[in-house]
N, C-alpha and C. Protein backbone atom coordinates (compact mmCIF):
# COMPACT_ATOMS: atom_id res chain seq x y z
N MET A 1 -22.74 -68.77 -43.53
CA MET A 1 -22.18 -68.04 -42.11
C MET A 1 -20.93 -68.66 -42.27
N LYS A 2 -20.83 -69.48 -41.76
CA LYS A 2 -19.48 -70.42 -41.68
C LYS A 2 -18.37 -69.90 -42.61
N LYS A 3 -18.52 -69.67 -44.00
CA LYS A 3 -17.92 -69.25 -44.94
C LYS A 3 -16.92 -67.94 -44.61
N HIS A 4 -18.09 -67.35 -44.13
CA HIS A 4 -17.32 -65.68 -43.57
C HIS A 4 -17.09 -65.63 -41.94
N GLY A 5 -17.38 -67.03 -41.61
CA GLY A 5 -16.84 -66.69 -39.85
C GLY A 5 -15.45 -66.42 -39.61
N ILE A 6 -14.60 -66.81 -40.10
CA ILE A 6 -12.82 -66.85 -39.92
C ILE A 6 -12.32 -65.33 -40.07
N PRO A 7 -12.75 -64.48 -41.50
CA PRO A 7 -12.49 -63.63 -41.78
C PRO A 7 -13.45 -62.74 -40.58
N VAL A 8 -14.28 -62.72 -40.53
CA VAL A 8 -15.56 -61.93 -39.72
C VAL A 8 -14.53 -61.78 -38.20
N LEU A 9 -14.14 -63.48 -38.00
CA LEU A 9 -13.62 -63.41 -36.55
C LEU A 9 -12.05 -62.96 -36.50
N ALA A 10 -11.75 -62.78 -37.75
CA ALA A 10 -10.28 -62.04 -37.63
C ALA A 10 -10.41 -60.27 -37.76
N ALA A 11 -11.39 -59.96 -38.08
CA ALA A 11 -10.97 -58.64 -38.69
C ALA A 11 -11.23 -57.95 -36.39
N VAL A 12 -12.39 -58.85 -36.33
CA VAL A 12 -12.82 -58.71 -34.77
C VAL A 12 -11.41 -58.77 -34.08
N VAL A 13 -10.60 -59.70 -34.03
CA VAL A 13 -9.24 -59.80 -32.99
C VAL A 13 -8.62 -58.51 -33.54
N LEU A 14 -8.53 -58.29 -34.97
CA LEU A 14 -7.67 -57.04 -35.16
C LEU A 14 -8.24 -55.62 -34.80
N LEU A 15 -9.25 -55.57 -34.77
CA LEU A 15 -9.93 -53.91 -33.91
C LEU A 15 -9.60 -54.49 -32.81
N THR A 16 -10.07 -55.53 -32.10
CA THR A 16 -9.61 -55.85 -30.33
C THR A 16 -8.31 -54.98 -30.38
N LEU A 17 -7.71 -56.21 -31.19
CA LEU A 17 -6.03 -56.11 -30.82
C LEU A 17 -5.21 -53.82 -30.75
N LEU A 18 -5.72 -53.41 -32.12
CA LEU A 18 -6.13 -52.14 -31.97
C LEU A 18 -6.28 -51.05 -30.99
N ASN A 19 -7.67 -51.43 -30.21
CA ASN A 19 -7.80 -50.77 -29.84
C ASN A 19 -7.39 -51.18 -28.26
N VAL A 20 -6.98 -52.26 -27.97
CA VAL A 20 -5.57 -52.50 -26.92
C VAL A 20 -4.56 -51.50 -27.23
N ARG A 21 -4.04 -51.70 -27.93
CA ARG A 21 -2.81 -51.21 -28.54
C ARG A 21 -2.71 -49.25 -28.59
N THR A 22 -3.94 -48.86 -28.89
CA THR A 22 -4.23 -47.14 -28.68
C THR A 22 -4.46 -47.10 -27.35
N SER A 23 -5.05 -47.91 -26.60
CA SER A 23 -5.33 -47.34 -25.29
C SER A 23 -4.41 -47.14 -24.34
N PHE A 24 -3.28 -47.95 -24.92
CA PHE A 24 -2.15 -47.80 -24.08
C PHE A 24 -1.28 -46.34 -24.83
N ALA A 25 -1.19 -46.54 -25.65
CA ALA A 25 -0.33 -45.22 -26.44
C ALA A 25 -0.74 -43.80 -25.28
N GLU A 26 -1.58 -43.48 -25.06
CA GLU A 26 -1.50 -42.32 -24.34
C GLU A 26 -2.40 -42.34 -23.74
N PRO A 27 -2.61 -41.44 -22.01
CA PRO A 27 -3.66 -41.72 -20.99
C PRO A 27 -5.00 -41.10 -21.51
N PRO A 28 -5.56 -41.29 -21.25
CA PRO A 28 -7.31 -40.70 -21.14
C PRO A 28 -7.35 -39.08 -21.12
N ALA A 29 -7.92 -38.69 -21.80
CA ALA A 29 -7.46 -36.98 -22.47
C ALA A 29 -7.87 -36.22 -21.01
N GLY A 30 -8.56 -36.67 -19.86
CA GLY A 30 -8.74 -35.83 -18.57
C GLY A 30 -7.18 -36.40 -17.96
N THR A 31 -6.50 -37.47 -17.64
CA THR A 31 -5.18 -37.84 -17.38
C THR A 31 -4.34 -36.68 -18.04
N ALA A 32 -4.21 -36.81 -19.49
CA ALA A 32 -3.35 -35.89 -20.23
C ALA A 32 -3.54 -34.00 -19.64
N ALA A 33 -4.68 -34.02 -19.59
CA ALA A 33 -4.60 -32.51 -18.90
C ALA A 33 -3.73 -32.06 -17.96
N LYS A 34 -4.43 -33.40 -16.97
CA LYS A 34 -4.06 -33.41 -15.83
C LYS A 34 -2.84 -33.22 -15.27
N ILE A 35 -1.78 -34.01 -16.21
CA ILE A 35 -0.33 -34.29 -16.09
C ILE A 35 0.35 -33.02 -16.64
N ALA A 36 -0.35 -32.23 -17.88
CA ALA A 36 0.07 -30.98 -18.18
C ALA A 36 -0.25 -30.00 -17.51
N ARG A 37 -1.34 -29.93 -16.27
CA ARG A 37 -1.57 -28.87 -15.44
C ARG A 37 -0.06 -28.94 -14.35
N GLY A 38 0.09 -30.62 -14.51
CA GLY A 38 1.11 -31.10 -13.28
C GLY A 38 2.25 -30.22 -13.41
N LYS A 39 2.90 -30.72 -14.69
CA LYS A 39 3.78 -30.36 -15.68
C LYS A 39 4.50 -28.52 -15.29
N TYR A 40 3.12 -28.33 -15.76
CA TYR A 40 2.63 -26.25 -15.25
C TYR A 40 3.42 -25.87 -14.16
N LEU A 41 3.24 -27.01 -12.90
CA LEU A 41 3.11 -26.48 -11.95
C LEU A 41 4.49 -26.57 -11.38
N VAL A 42 4.78 -28.37 -11.37
CA VAL A 42 6.12 -28.41 -11.11
C VAL A 42 6.97 -27.23 -11.75
N GLU A 43 7.40 -27.14 -13.21
CA GLU A 43 8.07 -26.51 -13.54
C GLU A 43 7.92 -24.35 -13.62
N ASN A 44 6.85 -24.34 -13.70
CA ASN A 44 6.94 -22.73 -13.69
C ASN A 44 6.11 -21.99 -12.53
N VAL A 45 5.61 -22.99 -11.49
CA VAL A 45 5.34 -22.31 -10.39
C VAL A 45 6.53 -22.52 -9.06
N ALA A 46 6.16 -23.76 -8.82
CA ALA A 46 6.65 -24.48 -7.69
C ALA A 46 8.25 -24.82 -7.87
N HIS A 47 9.16 -24.77 -9.71
CA HIS A 47 10.70 -24.44 -9.71
C HIS A 47 11.19 -25.79 -9.42
N CYS A 48 10.58 -27.01 -8.95
CA CYS A 48 11.17 -28.19 -8.29
C CYS A 48 12.43 -28.65 -8.86
N GLY A 49 12.68 -28.01 -9.73
CA GLY A 49 14.09 -28.61 -10.65
C GLY A 49 14.85 -27.58 -9.95
N ASP A 50 14.84 -26.33 -9.11
CA ASP A 50 15.78 -26.03 -8.90
C ASP A 50 16.54 -26.18 -7.49
N CYS A 51 16.09 -27.63 -7.41
CA CYS A 51 16.65 -28.17 -6.44
C CYS A 51 17.13 -29.83 -6.31
N HIS A 52 16.07 -29.98 -7.11
CA HIS A 52 15.39 -31.37 -7.28
C HIS A 52 16.72 -32.15 -8.53
N SER A 53 17.12 -31.24 -9.36
CA SER A 53 17.89 -31.74 -10.54
C SER A 53 19.08 -30.94 -10.28
N PRO A 54 19.81 -31.47 -11.17
CA PRO A 54 21.37 -30.89 -10.99
C PRO A 54 21.79 -30.03 -12.02
N HIS A 55 22.98 -29.52 -11.40
CA HIS A 55 23.04 -28.21 -12.83
C HIS A 55 24.38 -28.36 -13.13
N ASN A 56 25.10 -27.66 -14.51
CA ASN A 56 26.41 -27.65 -15.07
C ASN A 56 26.78 -26.56 -14.31
N GLU A 57 27.74 -26.19 -14.33
CA GLU A 57 28.68 -25.02 -14.04
C GLU A 57 28.55 -24.07 -14.52
N LYS A 58 27.70 -23.89 -15.34
CA LYS A 58 27.01 -22.45 -15.77
C LYS A 58 25.55 -22.67 -15.21
N GLY A 59 24.89 -23.63 -14.42
CA GLY A 59 23.65 -23.45 -13.81
C GLY A 59 22.49 -24.06 -14.29
N GLU A 60 23.30 -24.50 -15.43
CA GLU A 60 21.80 -25.35 -16.43
C GLU A 60 21.55 -26.23 -16.02
N THR A 61 20.43 -27.03 -16.08
CA THR A 61 19.79 -28.28 -15.43
C THR A 61 20.62 -29.22 -16.26
N VAL A 62 21.11 -30.12 -16.02
CA VAL A 62 21.34 -31.73 -16.81
C VAL A 62 20.45 -32.43 -17.22
N SER A 63 20.62 -32.42 -19.07
CA SER A 63 19.77 -32.63 -19.38
C SER A 63 19.46 -34.09 -19.80
N GLY A 64 18.58 -34.86 -19.28
CA GLY A 64 17.86 -36.22 -19.29
C GLY A 64 18.05 -36.39 -17.41
N LYS A 65 18.63 -35.64 -16.55
CA LYS A 65 18.50 -35.64 -14.85
C LYS A 65 17.57 -35.13 -14.30
N GLU A 66 16.74 -33.88 -15.37
CA GLU A 66 15.27 -33.43 -14.57
C GLU A 66 14.92 -33.94 -13.30
N LEU A 67 14.77 -33.74 -12.35
CA LEU A 67 13.88 -33.94 -10.95
C LEU A 67 14.31 -35.41 -10.34
N ARG A 68 15.63 -36.05 -10.52
CA ARG A 68 16.08 -37.06 -10.37
C ARG A 68 17.25 -36.78 -9.38
N GLY A 69 17.17 -36.29 -8.36
CA GLY A 69 17.80 -35.62 -7.27
C GLY A 69 19.29 -34.89 -7.48
N THR A 70 19.59 -34.63 -6.72
CA THR A 70 21.22 -34.24 -6.34
C THR A 70 21.52 -33.51 -5.56
N THR A 71 23.07 -33.16 -4.91
CA THR A 71 22.86 -32.80 -3.81
C THR A 71 22.86 -30.64 -4.12
N LEU A 72 22.38 -30.74 -2.92
CA LEU A 72 21.87 -29.41 -2.84
C LEU A 72 23.34 -28.39 -2.73
N ALA A 73 23.35 -27.58 -3.70
CA ALA A 73 24.48 -26.41 -3.39
C ALA A 73 24.38 -25.25 -2.85
N PHE A 74 23.64 -25.22 -2.24
CA PHE A 74 23.79 -24.26 -1.22
C PHE A 74 23.19 -24.74 0.03
N LYS A 75 23.45 -23.83 1.34
CA LYS A 75 23.48 -24.36 3.03
C LYS A 75 22.65 -22.84 3.56
N SER A 76 22.52 -23.33 4.82
CA SER A 76 21.38 -23.02 5.34
C SER A 76 22.52 -21.89 6.12
N ILE A 77 22.34 -20.15 6.28
CA ILE A 77 23.18 -19.17 6.88
C ILE A 77 23.07 -19.38 8.26
N VAL A 78 22.23 -20.16 8.38
CA VAL A 78 22.17 -20.15 10.18
C VAL A 78 21.97 -22.18 10.61
N PRO A 79 22.83 -22.33 11.38
CA PRO A 79 23.65 -23.52 11.05
C PRO A 79 21.77 -24.56 11.48
N MET A 80 21.62 -25.47 11.09
CA MET A 80 19.89 -25.92 11.26
C MET A 80 20.55 -27.40 11.84
N SER A 81 20.16 -28.71 12.03
CA SER A 81 20.78 -29.69 12.05
C SER A 81 19.83 -30.85 11.00
N ILE A 82 18.06 -30.21 11.35
CA ILE A 82 17.64 -30.81 10.26
C ILE A 82 17.89 -30.41 8.29
N TRP A 83 18.55 -29.60 8.42
CA TRP A 83 18.69 -29.11 7.04
C TRP A 83 19.26 -30.28 6.32
N ALA A 84 18.67 -30.63 5.22
CA ALA A 84 18.92 -31.50 3.95
C ALA A 84 19.68 -30.89 3.09
N ASP A 85 20.82 -31.87 3.25
CA ASP A 85 21.96 -32.08 2.17
C ASP A 85 21.64 -32.35 0.77
N LYS A 86 20.59 -32.99 0.62
CA LYS A 86 20.23 -33.71 -0.49
C LYS A 86 18.85 -33.36 -1.07
N ALA A 87 18.36 -33.28 -2.33
CA ALA A 87 17.18 -33.28 -2.71
C ALA A 87 16.87 -34.64 -3.28
N PRO A 88 16.02 -34.82 -2.83
CA PRO A 88 15.46 -36.87 -3.71
C PRO A 88 14.96 -37.01 -5.22
N ASN A 89 15.38 -38.06 -5.60
CA ASN A 89 14.90 -38.38 -6.95
C ASN A 89 13.06 -38.06 -6.85
N ILE A 90 12.21 -37.25 -7.44
CA ILE A 90 11.08 -37.32 -7.04
C ILE A 90 10.23 -37.65 -8.30
N ALA A 91 11.07 -38.14 -9.45
CA ALA A 91 10.80 -38.32 -10.73
C ALA A 91 9.59 -39.87 -10.60
N GLY A 92 8.83 -40.05 -10.88
CA GLY A 92 8.37 -41.49 -10.57
C GLY A 92 7.40 -41.62 -9.05
N MET A 93 8.19 -40.63 -8.12
CA MET A 93 8.05 -40.52 -7.18
C MET A 93 7.68 -42.10 -6.15
N ARG A 94 8.78 -42.76 -6.70
CA ARG A 94 9.01 -44.03 -6.30
C ARG A 94 8.48 -43.67 -4.57
N GLY A 95 8.17 -45.09 -3.97
CA GLY A 95 8.07 -45.45 -2.38
C GLY A 95 6.76 -44.19 -2.14
N TRP A 96 5.94 -43.18 -2.62
CA TRP A 96 4.97 -42.63 -2.50
C TRP A 96 3.38 -43.19 -2.77
N GLU A 97 2.44 -43.87 -2.35
CA GLU A 97 1.39 -43.88 -2.10
C GLU A 97 0.70 -42.62 -2.97
N GLN A 98 -0.14 -43.04 -3.95
CA GLN A 98 -1.26 -41.54 -4.18
C GLN A 98 -1.63 -41.14 -3.25
N ALA A 99 -1.87 -41.68 -2.58
CA ALA A 99 -3.18 -40.70 -1.29
C ALA A 99 -2.12 -39.73 -0.77
N ASP A 100 -0.72 -40.48 0.04
CA ASP A 100 0.20 -39.60 0.40
C ASP A 100 0.85 -38.58 0.02
N ALA A 101 1.01 -38.80 -1.34
CA ALA A 101 1.90 -37.96 -1.73
C ALA A 101 0.92 -36.27 -2.31
N VAL A 102 -0.82 -37.02 -2.40
CA VAL A 102 -1.20 -35.40 -2.34
C VAL A 102 -1.63 -35.34 -1.22
N LYS A 103 -1.51 -35.85 0.12
CA LYS A 103 -1.83 -34.86 0.82
C LYS A 103 -0.30 -34.16 1.56
N PHE A 104 0.77 -34.94 0.96
CA PHE A 104 2.04 -34.02 1.11
C PHE A 104 1.79 -32.49 0.96
N PHE A 105 1.60 -32.43 -0.52
CA PHE A 105 1.35 -31.73 -1.24
C PHE A 105 -0.18 -30.27 -0.78
N MET A 106 -0.47 -31.27 -0.17
CA MET A 106 -1.76 -30.43 0.60
C MET A 106 -1.36 -29.58 1.90
N THR A 107 -0.68 -30.29 2.36
CA THR A 107 -0.87 -29.86 4.05
C THR A 107 0.96 -29.95 4.48
N GLY A 108 1.88 -30.60 3.57
CA GLY A 108 3.41 -30.04 3.70
C GLY A 108 3.60 -31.28 4.85
N LEU A 109 2.91 -32.06 5.36
CA LEU A 109 3.59 -33.24 5.55
C LEU A 109 3.29 -34.63 5.02
N ALA A 110 4.46 -35.58 5.15
CA ALA A 110 4.60 -36.51 4.83
C ALA A 110 3.91 -37.13 5.23
N TYR A 111 4.05 -38.75 5.25
CA TYR A 111 3.69 -40.08 5.25
C TYR A 111 3.32 -40.60 6.75
N ASN A 112 4.59 -39.75 7.38
CA ASN A 112 4.61 -40.43 8.83
C ASN A 112 4.47 -38.68 9.39
N ASP A 113 3.53 -37.72 8.80
CA ASP A 113 2.79 -36.81 9.59
C ASP A 113 4.34 -35.62 9.84
N LEU A 114 5.34 -35.50 9.71
CA LEU A 114 6.18 -34.69 9.70
C LEU A 114 6.71 -34.50 8.52
N PRO A 115 6.83 -32.74 9.00
CA PRO A 115 6.87 -31.89 7.46
C PRO A 115 8.23 -32.51 7.04
N ALA A 116 8.70 -31.95 5.58
CA ALA A 116 9.84 -32.32 5.00
C ALA A 116 10.70 -31.29 6.04
N ARG A 117 12.05 -31.62 5.23
CA ARG A 117 13.42 -31.16 6.08
C ARG A 117 13.68 -30.03 5.24
N PRO A 118 13.83 -28.84 5.60
CA PRO A 118 14.44 -27.58 5.19
C PRO A 118 15.46 -27.92 4.34
N PRO A 119 15.44 -27.49 3.00
CA PRO A 119 14.95 -26.08 2.42
C PRO A 119 13.53 -26.39 1.64
N MET A 120 13.08 -27.28 2.36
CA MET A 120 11.35 -27.93 1.12
C MET A 120 10.70 -27.31 1.53
N PRO A 121 9.65 -26.19 0.86
CA PRO A 121 8.62 -25.54 1.52
C PRO A 121 7.32 -26.54 1.74
N GLN A 122 6.89 -25.88 2.38
CA GLN A 122 5.62 -26.72 3.33
C GLN A 122 4.23 -26.41 2.00
N TYR A 123 4.04 -26.56 1.10
CA TYR A 123 3.17 -26.45 0.10
C TYR A 123 1.75 -26.94 0.80
N LYS A 124 0.50 -25.36 0.26
CA LYS A 124 -0.47 -26.05 0.93
C LYS A 124 -1.48 -25.83 -0.17
N MET A 125 -0.98 -26.90 -1.35
CA MET A 125 -1.58 -26.75 -2.60
C MET A 125 -3.43 -27.50 -2.51
N ASN A 126 -4.05 -26.89 -3.24
CA ASN A 126 -5.24 -27.44 -3.36
C ASN A 126 -5.72 -28.62 -4.16
N LYS A 127 -6.57 -29.57 -3.81
CA LYS A 127 -6.50 -31.38 -4.03
C LYS A 127 -6.28 -31.32 -5.35
N GLU A 128 -7.01 -30.37 -6.00
CA GLU A 128 -6.93 -30.56 -8.05
C GLU A 128 -5.24 -30.52 -8.60
N ASP A 129 -4.57 -29.13 -7.60
CA ASP A 129 -3.22 -29.22 -8.14
C ASP A 129 -2.56 -29.80 -7.65
N ALA A 130 -2.70 -30.57 -6.43
CA ALA A 130 -1.70 -31.47 -5.79
C ALA A 130 -1.87 -32.70 -6.46
N GLU A 131 -2.95 -33.24 -6.83
CA GLU A 131 -2.85 -34.66 -7.63
C GLU A 131 -2.54 -34.30 -9.11
N ALA A 132 -2.38 -33.12 -9.48
CA ALA A 132 -1.68 -32.86 -11.03
C ALA A 132 -0.70 -33.03 -10.56
N VAL A 133 0.06 -32.17 -9.71
CA VAL A 133 1.16 -32.45 -9.44
C VAL A 133 1.97 -34.02 -9.28
N VAL A 134 1.33 -35.37 -8.43
CA VAL A 134 1.46 -36.04 -8.43
C VAL A 134 1.20 -37.09 -9.70
N ALA A 135 0.32 -36.66 -10.44
CA ALA A 135 0.00 -37.32 -11.40
C ALA A 135 1.04 -37.12 -12.88
N TYR A 136 1.44 -35.89 -12.49
CA TYR A 136 2.69 -35.51 -13.63
C TYR A 136 4.27 -36.26 -13.15
N LEU A 137 4.58 -36.00 -12.04
CA LEU A 137 5.78 -36.91 -10.86
C LEU A 137 5.35 -38.42 -11.60
N LYS A 138 4.64 -38.87 -11.27
CA LYS A 138 4.53 -40.49 -11.33
C LYS A 138 4.53 -40.75 -13.22
N SER A 139 4.02 -39.76 -13.86
CA SER A 139 4.21 -40.45 -15.31
C SER A 139 5.66 -40.06 -15.64
N LEU A 140 6.50 -39.50 -14.93
CA LEU A 140 7.67 -39.72 -15.20
C LEU A 140 8.80 -40.76 -14.89
N SER A 141 9.76 -41.06 -16.01
CA SER A 141 10.71 -42.48 -15.61
C SER A 141 11.51 -42.28 -14.45
N PRO A 142 11.78 -42.96 -13.50
CA PRO A 142 12.26 -42.33 -12.11
C PRO A 142 13.72 -42.64 -12.63
N THR A 143 14.42 -42.88 -13.71
CA THR A 143 15.96 -43.32 -13.75
C THR A 143 15.98 -42.17 -15.20
N ALA A 144 17.21 -42.37 -15.37
CA ALA A 144 17.62 -40.87 -16.31
C ALA A 144 17.17 -41.58 -17.82
N LYS A 145 17.18 -41.14 -18.73
CA LYS A 145 16.81 -41.56 -20.05
C LYS A 145 18.15 -42.31 -21.19
């Protein structure tokens, strides 16, 4: 047994390292599905990039800066003191705790129990969709590539 101890130990260590390495390669299947659902909701339902992404002169989203915040290109037709002139960077959801972010998308109220400033709509998502949106946004790098 002593003769085979080192190769067996080396094999166990190698397999353990491979397992650890692959566990970081991709999120678990359930998480990947949740992120995909969130991406669909952000891009195809809520159209978050319309306000939270900079656009070029043709109106196309600037590649690599998706959801990283920008100055809004439109204003309210009625003067509003609470109107937001900028849309924040939501890629990575920096500064948001998971529970607060989910609550925001479910109730339209932020961590301070205040609604977002217009033109941000007050979403009333179900918990599953809110968690998916948060999972997707948190999966994004907060800085441009």
